[in-house]
Protein backbone atom coordinates (compact mmCIF):
# COMPACT_ATOMS: atom_id res chain seq x y z
CA MET A 1 1.82 -75.71 -0.74
CA ARG A 2 -1.63 -74.40 -1.15
CA ASP A 3 -3.30 -75.03 -4.48
CA GLY A 4 -5.43 -72.35 -6.06
CA LEU A 5 -7.64 -74.70 -8.10
CA SER A 6 -10.95 -73.57 -6.59
CA ALA A 7 -11.47 -70.55 -8.74
CA THR A 8 -10.72 -72.24 -12.07
CA THR A 9 -12.82 -75.35 -11.12
CA ALA A 10 -15.71 -73.23 -10.02
CA GLN A 11 -15.64 -71.24 -13.33
CA ARG A 12 -15.67 -74.47 -15.35
CA GLY A 13 -18.42 -76.04 -13.17
CA HIS A 14 -21.13 -73.48 -14.08
CA GLY A 15 -21.97 -75.46 -17.26
CA ALA A 16 -24.57 -73.69 -19.35
CA ASN A 17 -24.40 -70.52 -17.14
CA ALA A 18 -20.71 -70.08 -17.78
CA ASN A 19 -19.47 -67.10 -19.78
CA PRO A 20 -19.33 -68.22 -23.43
CA THR A 21 -16.37 -65.92 -24.12
CA ALA A 22 -14.39 -67.33 -21.19
CA THR A 23 -15.18 -70.86 -22.33
CA GLN A 24 -13.99 -70.19 -25.87
CA THR A 25 -10.73 -68.79 -24.70
CA GLN A 26 -9.72 -71.64 -22.40
CA HIS A 27 -6.29 -73.12 -23.12
CA PRO A 28 -5.26 -76.38 -21.38
CA LEU A 29 -1.52 -75.49 -21.16
CA ARG A 30 -2.22 -71.97 -19.97
CA ASP A 31 -4.71 -73.24 -17.34
CA ALA A 32 -2.28 -75.90 -16.22
CA TRP A 33 0.39 -73.22 -15.81
CA TRP A 34 -1.97 -71.04 -13.83
CA ARG A 35 -2.71 -73.92 -11.51
CA ILE A 36 1.05 -74.29 -10.88
CA MET A 37 1.43 -70.52 -10.35
CA ASP A 38 -1.43 -70.63 -7.75
CA MET A 39 0.55 -73.22 -5.69
CA ARG A 40 2.28 -71.34 -2.88
CA VAL A 41 5.29 -71.78 -0.59
CA GLY A 42 4.02 -69.57 2.20
CA ILE A 43 2.77 -66.59 0.19
CA VAL A 44 5.25 -66.98 -2.70
CA PRO A 45 4.00 -68.68 -5.90
CA LEU A 46 5.99 -71.86 -6.41
CA PRO A 47 7.63 -70.89 -9.76
CA VAL A 48 8.65 -67.54 -8.27
CA HIS A 49 10.00 -69.38 -5.26
CA LEU A 50 12.25 -71.59 -7.41
CA VAL A 51 13.42 -68.63 -9.52
CA LEU A 52 14.33 -66.72 -6.43
CA ILE A 53 16.34 -69.75 -5.11
CA ALA A 54 18.21 -70.01 -8.37
CA ALA A 55 18.96 -66.22 -8.40
CA ILE A 56 20.16 -66.18 -4.82
CA VAL A 57 22.40 -69.18 -5.24
CA THR A 58 23.84 -67.86 -8.51
CA THR A 59 24.54 -64.50 -6.98
CA VAL A 60 26.36 -65.97 -4.02
CA LEU A 61 28.39 -68.35 -6.11
CA THR A 62 29.38 -65.82 -8.70
CA THR A 63 30.02 -62.81 -6.45
CA GLY A 64 30.64 -64.36 -3.10
CA LYS A 65 28.26 -62.09 -1.28
CA LEU A 66 24.65 -60.86 -1.20
CA SER A 67 23.68 -57.25 -0.87
CA ALA A 68 22.01 -56.01 2.29
CA GLU A 69 19.72 -53.77 0.30
CA LEU A 70 15.96 -54.15 0.73
CA SER A 71 15.09 -56.13 -2.34
CA PRO A 72 17.71 -58.87 -2.03
CA ILE A 73 17.02 -59.32 1.69
CA ILE A 74 13.28 -59.53 1.06
CA ALA A 75 13.95 -62.30 -1.40
CA LEU A 76 16.41 -64.11 0.90
CA LEU A 77 14.20 -63.97 3.99
CA ALA A 78 11.07 -64.90 2.14
CA VAL A 79 12.65 -67.94 0.55
CA CYS A 80 14.34 -69.26 3.73
CA SER A 81 11.48 -68.52 6.13
CA PHE A 82 8.53 -69.82 4.09
CA THR A 83 10.52 -72.94 3.21
CA CYS A 84 11.04 -73.57 6.93
CA MET A 85 7.36 -72.79 7.62
CA GLU A 86 6.16 -75.27 4.95
CA ILE A 87 8.44 -77.99 6.44
CA GLY A 88 7.10 -77.31 9.96
CA GLN A 89 3.48 -77.49 8.76
CA ARG A 90 4.04 -81.01 7.33
CA ILE A 91 5.49 -82.67 10.46
CA PRO A 92 2.67 -84.43 12.33
CA ILE A 93 2.01 -83.47 15.97
CA PHE A 94 4.91 -80.95 15.77
CA ARG A 95 2.85 -78.64 13.54
CA SER A 96 0.05 -78.65 16.20
CA ILE A 97 2.32 -77.21 18.96
CA GLY A 98 3.63 -74.28 17.02
CA GLY A 99 6.07 -76.31 14.90
CA PRO A 100 6.32 -73.81 11.96
CA VAL A 101 7.21 -70.94 14.36
CA ILE A 102 9.70 -73.01 16.33
CA LEU A 103 11.38 -74.23 13.15
CA VAL A 104 11.57 -70.81 11.57
CA THR A 105 12.96 -69.22 14.77
CA PHE A 106 15.40 -71.82 16.03
CA LEU A 107 16.58 -73.73 12.88
CA PRO A 108 18.38 -70.62 11.54
CA SER A 109 20.04 -70.24 15.00
CA TRP A 110 21.37 -73.78 14.74
CA LEU A 111 22.39 -73.28 11.11
CA VAL A 112 24.43 -70.22 12.10
CA PHE A 113 26.04 -72.07 14.96
CA THR A 114 27.07 -74.96 12.75
CA HIS A 115 28.12 -72.57 9.99
CA ALA A 116 25.67 -74.33 7.59
CA LEU A 117 24.53 -70.85 6.64
CA PRO A 118 27.58 -69.20 4.98
CA PRO A 119 28.73 -65.75 5.96
CA SER A 120 27.59 -64.52 2.50
CA VAL A 121 24.01 -65.18 3.73
CA VAL A 122 24.35 -64.40 7.40
CA THR A 123 26.23 -61.05 7.12
CA PRO A 124 23.62 -59.23 4.99
CA ILE A 125 20.78 -60.39 7.25
CA VAL A 126 22.71 -59.11 10.28
CA SER A 127 23.53 -55.82 8.57
CA PHE A 128 19.92 -55.29 7.49
CA TRP A 129 18.60 -56.08 10.98
CA LYS A 130 20.97 -53.63 12.69
CA GLN A 131 20.60 -50.81 10.14
CA SER A 132 16.84 -51.01 9.64
CA ASN A 133 15.54 -52.12 13.13
CA PHE A 134 12.70 -53.50 11.15
CA LEU A 135 10.93 -54.96 14.21
CA TYR A 136 9.86 -51.49 15.14
CA LEU A 137 8.03 -51.04 11.88
CA PHE A 138 6.36 -54.44 12.20
CA ILE A 139 5.05 -53.88 15.73
CA PRO A 140 3.35 -50.49 15.12
CA GLY A 141 1.75 -51.90 11.99
CA ILE A 142 0.37 -54.92 13.97
CA ILE A 143 -0.63 -52.97 17.07
CA VAL A 144 -2.16 -49.87 15.41
CA GLY A 145 -3.83 -51.99 12.67
CA SER A 146 -5.41 -54.37 15.10
CA ILE A 147 -6.51 -51.68 17.60
CA LEU A 148 -8.16 -49.46 14.97
CA SER A 149 -9.89 -52.55 13.50
CA MET A 150 -11.42 -53.65 16.80
CA ASP A 151 -14.85 -53.06 18.24
CA ARG A 152 -14.70 -50.13 20.77
CA LYS A 153 -16.62 -51.95 23.49
CA VAL A 154 -14.48 -55.07 23.18
CA LEU A 155 -11.32 -52.97 23.25
CA ILE A 156 -12.27 -51.13 26.46
CA GLY A 157 -13.50 -54.21 28.20
CA GLY A 158 -10.45 -56.30 27.19
CA PHE A 159 -7.94 -53.79 28.36
CA LEU A 160 -9.56 -53.44 31.70
CA ARG A 161 -10.12 -57.09 32.33
CA ILE A 162 -6.81 -58.55 31.09
CA PHE A 163 -5.05 -57.19 34.20
CA VAL A 164 -6.93 -59.57 36.46
CA PRO A 165 -5.77 -62.90 34.98
CA LEU A 166 -2.35 -61.30 34.37
CA ALA A 167 -1.91 -60.29 38.02
CA ILE A 168 -3.29 -63.48 39.55
CA GLY A 169 -1.40 -65.73 37.08
CA SER A 170 1.95 -63.92 37.71
CA VAL A 171 1.64 -64.25 41.49
CA LEU A 172 0.79 -67.95 41.34
CA ALA A 173 3.45 -68.70 38.68
CA GLY A 174 6.02 -66.97 40.90
CA ILE A 175 5.05 -69.14 43.90
CA VAL A 176 4.94 -72.39 41.98
CA GLY A 177 8.09 -71.79 40.01
CA THR A 178 9.95 -70.81 43.18
CA ALA A 179 8.77 -73.91 44.97
CA VAL A 180 9.67 -76.27 42.14
CA GLY A 181 13.14 -74.75 41.61
CA THR A 182 13.95 -74.84 45.30
CA LEU A 183 12.84 -78.41 45.69
CA LEU A 184 15.06 -79.45 42.72
CA GLY A 185 18.11 -77.99 44.49
CA MET A 186 18.77 -74.78 42.60
CA GLY A 187 18.47 -72.63 45.69
CA LEU A 188 15.86 -70.05 46.61
CA PHE A 189 17.88 -66.98 45.55
CA HIS A 190 18.98 -68.37 42.19
CA THR A 191 15.53 -69.73 41.38
CA VAL A 192 13.72 -66.45 42.09
CA PHE A 193 16.10 -63.95 40.61
CA PHE A 194 17.72 -65.86 37.82
CA VAL A 195 14.97 -68.20 36.62
CA VAL A 196 11.40 -67.18 37.68
CA VAL A 197 11.75 -63.38 37.52
CA PRO A 198 13.65 -63.32 34.12
CA VAL A 199 10.93 -65.50 32.65
CA MET A 200 8.31 -62.76 33.42
CA SER A 201 10.58 -59.73 32.99
CA GLY A 202 9.16 -58.77 29.56
CA GLY A 203 11.89 -59.99 27.15
CA LEU A 204 15.36 -58.82 26.32
CA GLY A 205 15.72 -55.06 25.58
CA GLU A 206 12.93 -53.87 27.88
CA GLY A 207 13.15 -56.88 30.32
CA VAL A 208 16.18 -58.92 31.28
CA ILE A 209 18.82 -56.42 30.16
CA PRO A 210 17.61 -53.58 32.43
CA LEU A 211 16.84 -56.24 35.11
CA THR A 212 20.45 -57.46 35.15
CA ILE A 213 21.79 -53.96 35.06
CA GLY A 214 19.73 -53.34 38.18
CA TYR A 215 21.09 -56.62 39.63
CA SER A 216 24.57 -55.34 38.88
CA GLU A 217 24.17 -52.11 40.79
CA VAL A 218 22.72 -53.91 43.83
CA LEU A 219 25.06 -56.95 43.87
CA HIS A 220 28.16 -55.08 42.53
CA GLU A 221 28.81 -57.81 39.97
CA SER A 222 29.38 -57.70 36.18
CA ALA A 223 26.14 -57.04 34.30
CA GLY A 224 27.41 -59.23 31.49
CA ASP A 225 27.93 -62.29 33.74
CA LEU A 226 24.51 -61.73 35.36
CA LEU A 227 22.92 -61.46 31.88
CA ALA A 228 24.51 -64.74 30.86
CA GLN A 229 22.95 -66.46 33.89
CA ALA A 230 19.44 -65.01 33.27
CA LEU A 231 19.23 -65.11 29.52
CA PRO A 232 18.67 -68.85 29.12
CA ALA A 233 15.53 -68.66 31.28
CA VAL A 234 14.05 -65.93 29.10
CA MET A 235 14.72 -67.90 25.90
CA LEU A 236 13.39 -71.19 27.29
CA GLY A 237 10.35 -69.47 28.76
CA ASN A 238 9.66 -68.17 25.30
CA VAL A 239 9.83 -71.64 23.79
CA CYS A 240 7.45 -72.99 26.43
CA ALA A 241 4.97 -70.22 25.68
CA ILE A 242 5.13 -70.93 22.06
CA VAL A 243 4.53 -74.66 22.52
CA PHE A 244 1.71 -74.13 25.01
CA SER A 245 0.04 -71.59 22.75
CA GLY A 246 0.20 -74.05 19.84
CA VAL A 247 -1.37 -76.69 22.08
CA LEU A 248 -4.16 -74.25 23.11
CA ASN A 249 -4.84 -73.45 19.40
CA ALA A 250 -5.25 -77.20 18.75
CA ILE A 251 -7.54 -77.54 21.80
CA GLY A 252 -9.62 -74.57 20.55
CA LYS A 253 -10.16 -76.41 17.25
CA ARG A 254 -11.45 -79.40 19.07
CA TYR A 255 -13.52 -77.49 21.62
CA PRO A 256 -14.74 -74.22 19.91
CA SER A 257 -16.65 -73.12 22.95
CA LEU A 258 -13.41 -72.39 24.74
CA THR A 259 -12.04 -69.91 22.21
CA GLY A 260 -12.93 -66.74 20.33
CA ASN A 261 -10.29 -67.45 17.64
CA GLY A 262 -8.64 -64.17 18.31
CA GLN A 263 -11.46 -62.37 20.20
CA LEU A 264 -10.63 -61.85 23.83
CA MET A 265 -14.13 -60.95 25.10
CA ARG A 266 -17.09 -63.17 24.83
CA SER A 267 -19.33 -60.33 23.68
CA GLY A 268 -18.77 -57.91 20.87
CA ASN A 269 -16.85 -58.22 17.63
CA ASP A 270 -13.20 -57.51 17.18
CA ASP A 271 -12.82 -59.83 14.24
CA LEU A 272 -10.74 -58.28 11.47
CA GLY A 273 -12.40 -60.43 8.94
CA ALA A 274 -15.45 -58.25 9.08
CA HIS A 275 -13.31 -55.21 8.33
CA ASN A 276 -11.69 -56.94 5.44
CA ALA A 277 -15.13 -57.70 3.99
CA HIS A 278 -15.95 -54.04 4.40
CA SER A 279 -12.76 -53.21 2.53
CA ALA A 280 -13.97 -55.02 -0.50
CA HIS A 281 -17.60 -53.88 -0.44
CA GLY A 282 -17.40 -50.51 1.30
CA THR A 283 -17.05 -49.48 4.89
CA HIS A 284 -19.87 -48.36 7.13
CA GLY A 285 -19.88 -45.52 9.56
CA GLU A 286 -20.66 -45.68 13.32
CA HIS A 287 -24.38 -45.41 12.61
CA GLY A 288 -24.47 -47.81 9.69
CA ALA A 289 -24.19 -45.20 6.91
CA PRO A 290 -22.46 -46.61 3.91
CA ALA A 291 -19.07 -45.14 3.02
CA SER A 292 -16.98 -45.39 -0.12
CA PRO A 293 -14.74 -48.46 -0.62
CA VAL A 294 -11.28 -48.44 0.89
CA ASP A 295 -8.51 -47.74 -1.61
CA ALA A 296 -4.74 -47.68 -1.58
CA THR A 297 -4.68 -44.12 -0.15
CA ASP A 298 -6.61 -45.24 2.94
CA ILE A 299 -4.18 -48.12 3.48
CA ALA A 300 -1.21 -45.77 2.99
CA ALA A 301 -2.80 -43.26 5.47
CA ALA A 302 -3.25 -45.93 8.04
CA GLY A 303 0.38 -47.01 7.63
CA MET A 304 1.47 -43.43 8.15
CA ILE A 305 -0.67 -43.21 11.29
CA ALA A 306 1.17 -46.28 12.72
CA VAL A 307 4.50 -44.65 11.93
CA CYS A 308 3.32 -41.38 13.51
CA LEU A 309 2.13 -42.98 16.71
CA TYR A 310 5.38 -44.97 17.09
CA PHE A 311 7.38 -41.76 16.52
CA VAL A 312 5.38 -39.92 19.23
CA GLY A 313 5.82 -42.91 21.56
CA MET A 314 9.56 -42.84 21.07
CA LEU A 315 9.55 -39.09 21.70
CA ALA A 316 7.72 -39.66 24.95
CA GLN A 317 10.29 -42.32 25.96
CA ASN A 318 13.26 -39.93 25.24
CA THR A 319 11.70 -36.92 26.95
CA LEU A 320 9.47 -38.26 29.70
CA GLY A 321 11.02 -41.68 30.36
CA LEU A 322 7.78 -43.47 29.46
CA PRO A 323 8.08 -46.83 27.67
CA GLY A 324 7.72 -46.02 23.93
CA PRO A 325 5.71 -49.06 22.91
CA VAL A 326 3.31 -48.63 25.77
CA MET A 327 2.81 -44.98 25.01
CA MET A 328 2.14 -45.87 21.34
CA LEU A 329 -0.46 -48.43 22.40
CA VAL A 330 -2.17 -45.90 24.77
CA LEU A 331 -2.37 -43.31 21.95
CA ALA A 332 -3.82 -45.82 19.54
CA VAL A 333 -6.50 -46.86 22.11
CA ALA A 334 -7.30 -43.28 22.90
CA ALA A 335 -7.69 -42.53 19.15
CA LYS A 336 -9.96 -45.50 18.60
CA ILE A 337 -12.17 -44.67 21.68
CA GLY A 338 -12.26 -40.96 20.72
CA PHE A 339 -13.44 -41.61 17.10
CA ILE A 340 -10.37 -39.77 15.77
CA PHE A 341 -10.04 -41.67 12.54
CA SER A 342 -12.72 -42.15 9.88
CA PRO A 343 -14.22 -45.65 9.19
CA LYS A 344 -12.19 -45.74 5.83
CA ILE A 345 -8.92 -45.26 7.67
CA GLU A 346 -9.80 -47.78 10.31
CA ALA A 347 -10.62 -50.32 7.59
CA GLY A 348 -7.31 -49.38 5.93
CA ALA A 349 -5.61 -50.12 9.22
CA GLY A 350 -7.11 -53.59 9.13
CA VAL A 351 -5.50 -54.18 5.77
CA VAL A 352 -2.14 -53.01 7.13
CA TYR A 353 -2.52 -55.44 9.99
CA LYS A 354 -3.35 -58.30 7.69
CA PHE A 355 -0.42 -57.52 5.39
CA PHE A 356 2.13 -57.52 8.16
CA ALA A 357 0.60 -60.65 9.82
CA THR A 358 0.55 -62.62 6.59
CA ALA A 359 3.63 -61.48 4.59
CA VAL A 360 6.11 -60.20 7.20
CA THR A 361 5.81 -62.41 10.27
CA TYR A 362 7.84 -65.47 9.09
CA PRO A 363 10.59 -63.53 7.36
CA LEU A 364 10.94 -61.49 10.57
CA LEU A 365 11.20 -64.61 12.74
CA PHE A 366 13.85 -66.13 10.46
CA ALA A 367 15.88 -62.88 10.86
CA ILE A 368 15.35 -63.10 14.63
CA GLY A 369 16.72 -66.62 14.64
CA VAL A 370 19.77 -65.65 12.67
CA VAL A 371 20.65 -62.41 14.59
CA ILE A 372 19.48 -62.50 18.13
CA THR A 373 18.91 -66.14 19.09
CA PRO A 374 22.30 -67.61 20.00
CA TRP A 375 22.15 -71.43 19.81
CA GLN A 376 24.60 -71.80 22.66
CA LYS A 377 22.21 -70.02 25.00
CA VAL A 378 19.34 -72.20 23.85
CA VAL A 379 21.29 -75.38 24.60
CA ALA A 380 22.45 -73.99 27.96
CA SER A 381 18.81 -73.74 29.03
CA PHE A 382 18.21 -77.46 28.79
CA ASN A 383 19.32 -78.74 32.19
CA VAL A 384 16.58 -80.58 34.01
CA PRO A 385 16.05 -78.41 37.10
CA THR A 386 15.94 -75.18 35.04
CA LEU A 387 13.75 -76.79 32.42
CA VAL A 388 11.22 -78.18 34.86
CA THR A 389 11.11 -74.90 36.82
CA ILE A 390 10.45 -72.83 33.71
CA VAL A 391 7.82 -75.18 32.42
CA ALA A 392 6.01 -75.11 35.79
CA THR A 393 6.18 -71.30 35.84
CA VAL A 394 4.77 -70.77 32.38
CA LEU A 395 2.28 -73.59 32.73
CA THR A 396 0.97 -72.08 35.92
CA LEU A 397 0.83 -68.60 34.42
CA MET A 398 -1.25 -69.74 31.41
CA ALA A 399 -3.42 -72.26 33.29
CA THR A 400 -4.38 -69.60 35.94
CA ALA A 401 -5.43 -67.19 33.11
CA PHE A 402 -7.43 -69.96 31.52
CA VAL A 403 -9.37 -70.51 34.78
CA VAL A 404 -9.81 -66.87 35.77
CA ALA A 405 -10.99 -65.88 32.31
CA ARG A 406 -14.14 -67.97 32.71
CA ARG A 407 -15.27 -65.61 35.48
CA MET A 408 -14.23 -62.46 33.59
CA ASN A 409 -16.48 -63.09 30.51
CA MET A 410 -13.35 -63.73 28.43
CA HIS A 411 -12.57 -66.65 26.17
CA PRO A 412 -10.27 -68.91 28.19
CA ILE A 413 -7.86 -69.99 25.45
CA ASP A 414 -7.38 -66.48 24.09
CA ALA A 415 -6.89 -65.03 27.59
CA ALA A 416 -4.29 -67.76 28.45
CA ILE A 417 -2.41 -67.06 25.20
CA VAL A 418 -2.29 -63.29 25.91
CA VAL A 419 -1.09 -63.84 29.54
CA GLY A 420 1.45 -66.37 28.18
CA THR A 421 3.19 -63.65 26.25
CA HIS A 422 4.18 -62.30 29.66
CA SER A 423 6.77 -65.09 29.62
CA GLY A 424 8.00 -64.23 26.09
CA MET A 425 11.01 -62.45 24.62
CA GLY A 426 9.36 -58.92 24.38
CA GLY A 427 8.13 -57.92 21.00
CA THR A 428 9.85 -60.79 19.20
CA GLY A 429 8.36 -63.26 21.59
CA ASP A 430 4.85 -61.79 21.12
CA VAL A 431 5.21 -62.30 17.45
CA ALA A 432 6.29 -65.90 17.78
CA ILE A 433 3.80 -66.84 20.45
CA LEU A 434 0.80 -65.29 18.74
CA THR A 435 1.80 -66.65 15.32
CA ALA A 436 2.03 -70.19 16.85
CA ALA A 437 -1.54 -69.70 18.15
CA ASN A 438 -2.67 -68.07 14.84
CA ARG A 439 -4.00 -65.08 16.89
CA MET A 440 -1.85 -62.17 15.83
CA ARG A 441 -4.92 -59.81 16.37
CA LEU A 442 -4.41 -60.14 20.09
CA MET A 443 -1.09 -58.17 19.80
CA PRO A 444 -2.43 -55.05 21.64
CA PHE A 445 -3.32 -57.14 24.63
CA ALA A 446 -0.05 -59.01 24.40
CA GLN A 447 1.78 -55.78 24.57
CA ILE A 448 0.10 -54.98 27.84
CA ALA A 449 1.07 -58.36 29.29
CA THR A 450 4.65 -58.05 28.07
CA ARG A 451 5.51 -54.42 28.57
CA ILE A 452 3.44 -53.36 31.59
CA GLY A 453 3.60 -56.80 33.22
CA GLY A 454 7.36 -56.94 32.63
CA ALA A 455 7.98 -53.46 34.02
CA ILE A 456 6.00 -54.28 37.17
CA THR A 457 7.91 -57.49 37.60
CA ILE A 458 11.32 -55.77 37.22
CA THR A 459 10.43 -52.96 39.58
CA LEU A 460 9.16 -55.24 42.35
CA SER A 461 12.13 -57.68 41.97
CA LEU A 462 14.71 -54.86 42.29
CA ILE A 463 12.94 -53.48 45.32
CA VAL A 464 13.00 -56.89 47.05
CA LEU A 465 16.60 -57.58 46.03
CA ALA A 466 17.75 -54.19 47.42
CA LYS A 467 15.95 -55.00 50.76
CA ILE A 468 17.48 -58.43 51.22
CA VAL A 469 21.09 -57.87 50.18
């Protein structure tokens, strides 16, 4: 728990310069209570956290169920996810390799499997997830907020250059993974099409599901059976990317020259912290002219822009067949490059990004663990040949990006983490991987690696499969 003593201590430490009125109104009991209130479990004040636990337990015991409405679900997911996060942050070594994210994502999966989480808790989470599809509000908020808050030169340079380490890394990862799997006796065909390719297919909905449907049409086998063979590789690849990203984050703290701490390019400034400072003290225009401070209407406007771009992206997917998230990303980039939105709205978008990254990520991951991370599939992934092959594939992918980035004027650690999302579980994997690395601002580049990289992988794989069968 984080203690908020600094403000009170600083106020008392001014001595003769302190405000006399403030000094006269100090109350030891009140100040002690405020110190307790400033202790946090995640983002939740400790007393509020305890009250929420009591309220949830009482409701379940007295009524036998919990509502799937927004307020009770927010309370439930916040309590569960931030408790898991705090536990993960206090386990030595484990916390340095993405432990909080791993625990928040996979512990609820195990709890559901063992029925430790009762149906009165699981059912409302599942209902809320299916009815709201909340992931597709989270991702627009993160993508649009981070893009509009970035430096234009960095944005353009990063989008053009990330394809180089992504392409080279994917090719080498495919070669190494195939060689390792074949040497371990899994067979060339199974290794390529049911281990290596699924790892880099772009996740579940946009990746391994359409991939196995394509397999089904070519091989004339059940798509469900083929999906069951490929799904463990996707899930375990996601775990590897989370762990490796956590390790890279720890390396970056030890060797600061290797990382931009969320900046992909070595030149320019895509640091959202600068925009948050402007939010408090007033934004500045493109030519340095001061603008009025950002207020709630600017933040709300930025949120509606994120929703609008997502809606247009989905419309393009339904009418033109273009991937919706990719179309949304392209529109956001075009708007940023074309100076479509004012500096106030762009600063408001930075606040939207910070809110989702800070307050929503862990509750979302907990829901993912409950709803779409079956524990049986996770366990099925852990046979030695498959495990070693997947580790070799993801490690080669990220290590290649690390090396290539040095020649592309990119920060090696940040480039490796972005390319590592190519082996994740789509949008949910991007969230988990970037959270483990504490680099959520890289989400726009992660979407390129996941969506476009995955689409290219699936297309080439189906072409090759059709030729050899």
